[in-house]
PDB file of all heavy atoms in Angstrom:
ATOM      1  N   VAL A   1       3.506 -11.956  -6.296  1.00  0.00           N
ATOM      2  CA  VAL A   1       4.450 -11.869  -7.420  1.00  0.00           C
ATOM      3  C   VAL A   1       5.423 -13.028  -7.351  1.00  0.00           C
ATOM      4  O   VAL A   1       5.697 -13.690  -8.354  1.00  0.00           O
ATOM      5  CB  VAL A   1       5.198 -10.516  -7.390  1.00  0.00           C
ATOM      6  CG1 VAL A   1       6.361 -10.531  -8.369  1.00  0.00           C
ATOM      7  CG2 VAL A   1       4.244  -9.379  -7.722  1.00  0.00           C
ATOM      8  N   ASP A   2       5.953 -13.298  -6.162  1.00  0.00           N
ATOM      9  CA  ASP A   2       6.875 -14.425  -5.996  1.00  0.00           C
ATOM     10  C   ASP A   2       6.210 -15.727  -6.408  1.00  0.00           C
ATOM     11  O   ASP A   2       6.818 -16.561  -7.083  1.00  0.00           O
ATOM     12  CB  ASP A   2       7.349 -14.521  -4.537  1.00  0.00           C
ATOM     13  CG  ASP A   2       8.356 -13.424  -4.198  1.00  0.00           C
ATOM     14  OD1 ASP A   2       8.834 -12.762  -5.143  1.00  0.00           O
ATOM     15  OD2 ASP A   2       8.666 -13.245  -3.021  1.00  0.00           O
ATOM     16  N   MET A   3       4.952 -15.896  -6.002  1.00  0.00           N
ATOM     17  CA  MET A   3       4.234 -17.124  -6.319  1.00  0.00           C
ATOM     18  C   MET A   3       4.080 -17.284  -7.827  1.00  0.00           C
ATOM     19  O   MET A   3       4.277 -18.361  -8.370  1.00  0.00           O
ATOM     20  CB  MET A   3       2.851 -17.124  -5.657  1.00  0.00           C
ATOM     21  CG  MET A   3       2.906 -17.347  -4.152  1.00  0.00           C
ATOM     22  SD  MET A   3       3.637 -18.918  -3.683  1.00  0.00           S
ATOM     23  CE  MET A   3       2.265 -20.005  -4.051  1.00  0.00           C
ATOM     24  N   SER A   4       3.745 -16.193  -8.517  1.00  0.00           N
ATOM     25  CA  SER A   4       3.563 -16.293  -9.971  1.00  0.00           C
ATOM     26  C   SER A   4       4.899 -16.597 -10.639  1.00  0.00           C
ATOM     27  O   SER A   4       4.957 -17.355 -11.602  1.00  0.00           O
ATOM     28  CB  SER A   4       2.945 -15.015 -10.534  1.00  0.00           C
ATOM     29  OG  SER A   4       3.773 -13.911 -10.295  1.00  0.00           O
ATOM     30  N   LYS A   5       5.990 -16.041 -10.104  1.00  0.00           N
ATOM     31  CA  LYS A   5       7.318 -16.351 -10.646  1.00  0.00           C
ATOM     32  C   LYS A   5       7.617 -17.826 -10.429  1.00  0.00           C
ATOM     33  O   LYS A   5       8.105 -18.510 -11.332  1.00  0.00           O
ATOM     34  CB  LYS A   5       8.390 -15.510  -9.933  1.00  0.00           C
ATOM     35  CG  LYS A   5       8.597 -14.145 -10.541  1.00  0.00           C
ATOM     36  CD  LYS A   5       9.778 -13.456  -9.879  1.00  0.00           C
ATOM     37  CE  LYS A   5       9.791 -11.971 -10.185  1.00  0.00           C
ATOM     38  NZ  LYS A   5      10.725 -11.244  -9.326  1.00  0.00           N
ATOM     39  N   LEU A   6       7.334 -18.309  -9.231  1.00  0.00           N
ATOM     40  CA  LEU A   6       7.565 -19.720  -8.918  1.00  0.00           C
ATOM     41  C   LEU A   6       6.748 -20.606  -9.846  1.00  0.00           C
ATOM     42  O   LEU A   6       7.236 -21.612 -10.350  1.00  0.00           O
ATOM     43  CB  LEU A   6       7.165 -20.014  -7.467  1.00  0.00           C
ATOM     44  CG  LEU A   6       8.238 -19.752  -6.418  1.00  0.00           C
ATOM     45  CD1 LEU A   6       7.673 -19.988  -5.024  1.00  0.00           C
ATOM     46  CD2 LEU A   6       9.454 -20.624  -6.640  1.00  0.00           C
ATOM     47  N   LYS A   7       5.490 -20.219 -10.076  1.00  0.00           N
ATOM     48  CA  LYS A   7       4.614 -20.997 -10.959  1.00  0.00           C
ATOM     49  C   LYS A   7       5.216 -21.066 -12.354  1.00  0.00           C
ATOM     50  O   LYS A   7       5.267 -22.125 -12.963  1.00  0.00           O
ATOM     51  CB  LYS A   7       3.237 -20.332 -11.025  1.00  0.00           C
ATOM     52  CG  LYS A   7       2.120 -21.246 -10.566  1.00  0.00           C
ATOM     53  CD  LYS A   7       0.777 -20.574 -10.800  1.00  0.00           C
ATOM     54  CE  LYS A   7      -0.078 -20.657  -9.554  1.00  0.00           C
ATOM     55  NZ  LYS A   7      -1.285 -19.861  -9.649  1.00  0.00           N
ATOM     56  N   ALA A   8       5.710 -19.930 -12.850  1.00  0.00           N
ATOM     57  CA  ALA A   8       6.310 -19.890 -14.183  1.00  0.00           C
ATOM     58  C   ALA A   8       7.538 -20.799 -14.220  1.00  0.00           C
ATOM     59  O   ALA A   8       7.718 -21.576 -15.154  1.00  0.00           O
ATOM     60  CB  ALA A   8       6.682 -18.457 -14.542  1.00  0.00           C
ATOM     61  N   ASP A   9       8.374 -20.725 -13.175  1.00  0.00           N
ATOM     62  CA  ASP A   9       9.555 -21.589 -13.110  1.00  0.00           C
ATOM     63  C   ASP A   9       9.138 -23.052 -13.102  1.00  0.00           C
ATOM     64  O   ASP A   9       9.724 -23.875 -13.794  1.00  0.00           O
ATOM     65  CB  ASP A   9      10.369 -21.275 -11.846  1.00  0.00           C
ATOM     66  CG  ASP A   9      11.105 -19.947 -11.963  1.00  0.00           C
ATOM     67  OD1 ASP A   9      11.134 -19.401 -13.083  1.00  0.00           O
ATOM     68  OD2 ASP A   9      11.646 -19.470 -10.958  1.00  0.00           O
ATOM     69  N   GLY A  10       8.116 -23.357 -12.316  1.00  0.00           N
ATOM     70  CA  GLY A  10       7.638 -24.735 -12.234  1.00  0.00           C
ATOM     71  C   GLY A  10       7.157 -25.239 -13.583  1.00  0.00           C
ATOM     72  O   GLY A  10       7.432 -26.369 -13.966  1.00  0.00           O
ATOM     73  N   LEU A  11       6.461 -24.369 -14.314  1.00  0.00           N
ATOM     74  CA  LEU A  11       5.969 -24.753 -15.639  1.00  0.00           C
ATOM     75  C   LEU A  11       7.133 -24.999 -16.584  1.00  0.00           C
ATOM     76  O   LEU A  11       7.121 -25.954 -17.360  1.00  0.00           O
ATOM     77  CB  LEU A  11       5.067 -23.648 -16.200  1.00  0.00           C
ATOM     78  CG  LEU A  11       3.670 -23.595 -15.585  1.00  0.00           C
ATOM     79  CD1 LEU A  11       2.915 -22.378 -16.093  1.00  0.00           C
ATOM     80  CD2 LEU A  11       2.882 -24.861 -15.915  1.00  0.00           C
ATOM     81  N   MET A  12       8.167 -24.146 -16.511  1.00  0.00           N
ATOM     82  CA  MET A  12       9.339 -24.329 -17.376  1.00  0.00           C
ATOM     83  C   MET A  12      10.006 -25.661 -17.061  1.00  0.00           C
ATOM     84  O   MET A  12      10.365 -26.416 -17.965  1.00  0.00           O
ATOM     85  CB  MET A  12      10.351 -23.188 -17.132  1.00  0.00           C
ATOM     86  CG  MET A  12       9.826 -21.822 -17.461  1.00  0.00           C
ATOM     87  SD  MET A  12      10.554 -21.087 -18.918  1.00  0.00           S
ATOM     88  CE  MET A  12      12.296 -21.192 -18.570  1.00  0.00           C
ATOM     89  N   VAL A  13      10.165 -25.957 -15.776  1.00  0.00           N
ATOM     90  CA  VAL A  13      10.782 -27.221 -15.371  1.00  0.00           C
ATOM     91  C   VAL A  13       9.942 -28.389 -15.866  1.00  0.00           C
ATOM     92  O   VAL A  13      10.470 -29.359 -16.412  1.00  0.00           O
ATOM     93  CB  VAL A  13      10.936 -27.279 -13.834  1.00  0.00           C
ATOM     94  CG1 VAL A  13      11.325 -28.681 -13.385  1.00  0.00           C
ATOM     95  CG2 VAL A  13      11.970 -26.257 -13.379  1.00  0.00           C
ATOM     96  N   ALA A  14       8.626 -28.294 -15.693  1.00  0.00           N
ATOM     97  CA  ALA A  14       7.732 -29.371 -16.132  1.00  0.00           C
ATOM     98  C   ALA A  14       7.830 -29.559 -17.642  1.00  0.00           C
ATOM     99  O   ALA A  14       7.886 -30.689 -18.131  1.00  0.00           O
ATOM    100  CB  ALA A  14       6.294 -29.053 -15.727  1.00  0.00           C
ATOM    101  N   ALA A  15       7.882 -28.453 -18.385  1.00  0.00           N
ATOM    102  CA  ALA A  15       7.976 -28.539 -19.846  1.00  0.00           C
ATOM    103  C   ALA A  15       9.288 -29.200 -20.247  1.00  0.00           C
ATOM    104  O   ALA A  15       9.309 -30.082 -21.111  1.00  0.00           O
ATOM    105  CB  ALA A  15       7.880 -27.139 -20.458  1.00  0.00           C
ATOM    106  N   ALA A  16      10.376 -28.802 -19.616  1.00  0.00           N
ATOM    107  CA  ALA A  16      11.682 -29.392 -19.925  1.00  0.00           C
ATOM    108  C   ALA A  16      11.665 -30.881 -19.595  1.00  0.00           C
ATOM    109  O   ALA A  16      12.191 -31.704 -20.345  1.00  0.00           O
ATOM    110  CB  ALA A  16      12.772 -28.685 -19.124  1.00  0.00           C
ATOM    111  N   TYR A  17      11.051 -31.228 -18.473  1.00  0.00           N
ATOM    112  CA  TYR A  17      10.961 -32.631 -18.054  1.00  0.00           C
ATOM    113  C   TYR A  17      10.179 -33.437 -19.088  1.00  0.00           C
ATOM    114  O   TYR A  17      10.594 -34.526 -19.485  1.00  0.00           O
ATOM    115  CB  TYR A  17      10.279 -32.684 -16.687  1.00  0.00           C
ATOM    116  CG  TYR A  17      10.126 -34.071 -16.119  1.00  0.00           C
ATOM    117  CD1 TYR A  17      11.245 -34.792 -15.707  1.00  0.00           C
ATOM    118  CD2 TYR A  17       8.870 -34.653 -15.980  1.00  0.00           C
ATOM    119  CE1 TYR A  17      11.114 -36.071 -15.179  1.00  0.00           C
ATOM    120  CE2 TYR A  17       8.728 -35.924 -15.454  1.00  0.00           C
ATOM    121  CZ  TYR A  17       9.852 -36.623 -15.054  1.00  0.00           C
ATOM    122  OH  TYR A  17       9.707 -37.875 -14.528  1.00  0.00           O
ATOM    123  N   MET A  18       9.052 -32.876 -19.553  1.00  0.00           N
ATOM    124  CA  MET A  18       8.238 -33.574 -20.549  1.00  0.00           C
ATOM    125  C   MET A  18       9.019 -33.753 -21.841  1.00  0.00           C
ATOM    126  O   MET A  18       8.978 -34.814 -22.463  1.00  0.00           O
ATOM    127  CB  MET A  18       6.953 -32.774 -20.833  1.00  0.00           C
ATOM    128  CG  MET A  18       5.953 -32.824 -19.694  1.00  0.00           C
ATOM    129  SD  MET A  18       5.402 -34.492 -19.302  1.00  0.00           S
ATOM    130  CE  MET A  18       4.417 -34.857 -20.758  1.00  0.00           C
ATOM    131  N   GLN A  19       9.758 -32.733 -22.257  1.00  0.00           N
ATOM    132  CA  GLN A  19      10.560 -32.836 -23.476  1.00  0.00           C
ATOM    133  C   GLN A  19      11.597 -33.939 -23.311  1.00  0.00           C
ATOM    134  O   GLN A  19      11.838 -34.723 -24.218  1.00  0.00           O
ATOM    135  CB  GLN A  19      11.249 -31.502 -23.780  1.00  0.00           C
ATOM    136  CG  GLN A  19      10.290 -30.492 -24.403  1.00  0.00           C
ATOM    137  CD  GLN A  19      10.949 -29.156 -24.662  1.00  0.00           C
ATOM    138  OE1 GLN A  19      11.925 -28.809 -24.011  1.00  0.00           O
ATOM    139  NE2 GLN A  19      10.417 -28.404 -25.589  1.00  0.00           N
ATOM    140  N   GLY A  20      12.202 -34.005 -22.133  1.00  0.00           N
ATOM    141  CA  GLY A  20      13.192 -35.047 -21.856  1.00  0.00           C
ATOM    142  C   GLY A  20      12.562 -36.421 -21.946  1.00  0.00           C
ATOM    143  O   GLY A  20      13.145 -37.351 -22.517  1.00  0.00           O
ATOM    144  N   LEU A  21      11.369 -36.553 -21.380  1.00  0.00           N
ATOM    145  CA  LEU A  21      10.666 -37.847 -21.425  1.00  0.00           C
ATOM    146  C   LEU A  21      10.381 -38.242 -22.868  1.00  0.00           C
ATOM    147  O   LEU A  21      10.603 -39.376 -23.268  1.00  0.00           O
ATOM    148  CB  LEU A  21       9.343 -37.748 -20.658  1.00  0.00           C
ATOM    149  CG  LEU A  21       9.414 -37.974 -19.156  1.00  0.00           C
ATOM    150  CD1 LEU A  21       8.025 -37.860 -18.549  1.00  0.00           C
ATOM    151  CD2 LEU A  21       9.989 -39.339 -18.843  1.00  0.00           C
ATOM    152  N   GLN A  22       9.887 -37.294 -23.660  1.00  0.00           N
ATOM    153  CA  GLN A  22       9.567 -37.580 -25.056  1.00  0.00           C
ATOM    154  C   GLN A  22      10.824 -37.997 -25.811  1.00  0.00           C
ATOM    155  O   GLN A  22      10.798 -38.943 -26.603  1.00  0.00           O
ATOM    156  CB  GLN A  22       8.936 -36.348 -25.710  1.00  0.00           C
ATOM    157  CG  GLN A  22       7.495 -36.144 -25.270  1.00  0.00           C
ATOM    158  CD  GLN A  22       6.907 -34.839 -25.800  1.00  0.00           C
ATOM    159  OE1 GLN A  22       7.633 -33.939 -26.190  1.00  0.00           O
ATOM    160  NE2 GLN A  22       5.600 -34.741 -25.795  1.00  0.00           N
ATOM    161  N   ALA A  23      11.937 -37.321 -25.562  1.00  0.00           N
ATOM    162  CA  ALA A  23      13.200 -37.661 -26.225  1.00  0.00           C
ATOM    163  C   ALA A  23      13.621 -39.072 -25.824  1.00  0.00           C
ATOM    164  O   ALA A  23      14.051 -39.868 -26.665  1.00  0.00           O
ATOM    165  CB  ALA A  23      14.282 -36.653 -25.841  1.00  0.00           C
ATOM    166  N   ALA A  24      13.470 -39.413 -24.549  1.00  0.00           N
ATOM    167  CA  ALA A  24      13.834 -40.745 -24.071  1.00  0.00           C
ATOM    168  C   ALA A  24      12.965 -41.807 -24.735  1.00  0.00           C
ATOM    169  O   ALA A  24      13.461 -42.851 -25.160  1.00  0.00           O
ATOM    170  CB  ALA A  24      13.685 -40.810 -22.544  1.00  0.00           C
ATOM    171  N   VAL A  25      11.678 -41.537 -24.853  1.00  0.00           N
ATOM    172  CA  VAL A  25      10.760 -42.487 -25.494  1.00  0.00           C
ATOM    173  C   VAL A  25      11.155 -42.698 -26.952  1.00  0.00           C
ATOM    174  O   VAL A  25      11.205 -43.826 -27.438  1.00  0.00           O
ATOM    175  CB  VAL A  25       9.306 -41.980 -25.392  1.00  0.00           C
ATOM    176  CG1 VAL A  25       8.387 -42.783 -26.304  1.00  0.00           C
ATOM    177  CG2 VAL A  25       8.818 -42.045 -23.948  1.00  0.00           C
ATOM    178  N   LYS A  26      11.478 -41.598 -27.651  1.00  0.00           N
ATOM    179  CA  LYS A  26      11.890 -41.704 -29.058  1.00  0.00           C
ATOM    180  C   LYS A  26      13.147 -42.562 -29.173  1.00  0.00           C
ATOM    181  O   LYS A  26      13.256 -43.412 -30.055  1.00  0.00           O
ATOM    182  CB  LYS A  26      12.155 -40.316 -29.638  1.00  0.00           C
ATOM    183  CG  LYS A  26      10.882 -39.617 -30.087  1.00  0.00           C
ATOM    184  CD  LYS A  26      11.191 -38.256 -30.693  1.00  0.00           C
ATOM    185  CE  LYS A  26       9.910 -37.471 -30.914  1.00  0.00           C
ATOM    186  NZ  LYS A  26      10.177 -36.060 -31.215  1.00  0.00           N
ATOM    187  N   LEU A  27      14.108 -42.330 -28.276  1.00  0.00           N
ATOM    188  CA  LEU A  27      15.350 -43.106 -28.296  1.00  0.00           C
ATOM    189  C   LEU A  27      15.052 -44.589 -28.111  1.00  0.00           C
ATOM    190  O   LEU A  27      15.579 -45.435 -28.834  1.00  0.00           O
ATOM    191  CB  LEU A  27      16.299 -42.637 -27.180  1.00  0.00           C
ATOM    192  CG  LEU A  27      17.239 -41.496 -27.551  1.00  0.00           C
ATOM    193  CD1 LEU A  27      18.045 -41.058 -26.335  1.00  0.00           C
ATOM    194  CD2 LEU A  27      18.190 -41.913 -28.672  1.00  0.00           C
ATOM    195  N   CYS A  28      14.201 -44.896 -27.149  1.00  0.00           N
ATOM    196  CA  CYS A  28      13.844 -46.293 -26.891  1.00  0.00           C
ATOM    197  C   CYS A  28      13.191 -46.920 -28.121  1.00  0.00           C
ATOM    198  O   CYS A  28      13.523 -48.043 -28.494  1.00  0.00           O
ATOM    199  CB  CYS A  28      12.883 -46.390 -25.695  1.00  0.00           C
ATOM    200  SG  CYS A  28      13.712 -46.111 -24.128  1.00  0.00           S
ATOM    201  N   GLU A  29      12.301 -46.183 -28.766  1.00  0.00           N
ATOM    202  CA  GLU A  29      11.626 -46.707 -29.959  1.00  0.00           C
ATOM    203  C   GLU A  29      12.639 -46.977 -31.065  1.00  0.00           C
ATOM    204  O   GLU A  29      12.583 -48.009 -31.737  1.00  0.00           O
ATOM    205  CB  GLU A  29      10.562 -45.711 -30.439  1.00  0.00           C
ATOM    206  CG  GLU A  29       9.302 -45.737 -29.574  1.00  0.00           C
ATOM    207  CD  GLU A  29       8.318 -44.642 -29.954  1.00  0.00           C
ATOM    208  OE1 GLU A  29       8.656 -43.810 -30.819  1.00  0.00           O
ATOM    209  OE2 GLU A  29       7.221 -44.623 -29.370  1.00  0.00           O
ATOM    210  N   GLN A  30      13.578 -46.056 -31.252  1.00  0.00           N
ATOM    211  CA  GLN A  30      14.596 -46.242 -32.289  1.00  0.00           C
ATOM    212  C   GLN A  30      15.429 -47.485 -31.988  1.00  0.00           C
ATOM    213  O   GLN A  30      15.700 -48.288 -32.877  1.00  0.00           O
ATOM    214  CB  GLN A  30      15.503 -45.020 -32.367  1.00  0.00           C
ATOM    215  CG  GLN A  30      14.844 -43.835 -33.081  1.00  0.00           C
ATOM    216  CD  GLN A  30      15.691 -42.577 -33.014  1.00  0.00           C
ATOM    217  OE1 GLN A  30      16.718 -42.568 -32.360  1.00  0.00           O
ATOM    218  NE2 GLN A  30      15.231 -41.524 -33.660  1.00  0.00           N
ATOM    219  N   GLN A  31      15.813 -47.675 -30.730  1.00  0.00           N
ATOM    220  CA  GLN A  31      16.623 -48.827 -30.356  1.00  0.00           C
ATOM    221  C   GLN A  31      15.847 -50.112 -30.583  1.00  0.00           C
ATOM    222  O   GLN A  31      16.404 -51.109 -31.043  1.00  0.00           O
ATOM    223  CB  GLN A  31      17.079 -48.709 -28.895  1.00  0.00           C
ATOM    224  CG  GLN A  31      18.209 -47.715 -28.724  1.00  0.00           C
ATOM    225  CD  GLN A  31      18.600 -47.521 -27.291  1.00  0.00           C
ATOM    226  OE1 GLN A  31      17.846 -47.869 -26.391  1.00  0.00           O
ATOM    227  NE2 GLN A  31      19.757 -46.950 -27.056  1.00  0.00           N
ATOM    228  N   GLN A  32      14.553 -50.102 -30.279  1.00  0.00           N
ATOM    229  CA  GLN A  32      13.740 -51.301 -30.474  1.00  0.00           C
ATOM    230  C   GLN A  32      13.649 -51.644 -31.948  1.00  0.00           C
ATOM    231  O   GLN A  32      13.705 -52.802 -32.333  1.00  0.00           O
ATOM    232  CB  GLN A  32      12.328 -51.097 -29.892  1.00  0.00           C
ATOM    233  CG  GLN A  32      12.306 -51.244 -28.385  1.00  0.00           C
ATOM    234  CD  GLN A  32      10.940 -50.932 -27.793  1.00  0.00           C
ATOM    235  OE1 GLN A  32      10.090 -50.365 -28.467  1.00  0.00           O
ATOM    236  NE2 GLN A  32      10.735 -51.305 -26.549  1.00  0.00           N
TER     237      GLN A  32
END
């Protein structure tokens, strides 16, 4: 159960990280 909770947390962190990356890329494109 702990492992599945950790996996879910890891996925949430990864998703947030990916969203952050996409936002950063969009910002860079706008600046260019």
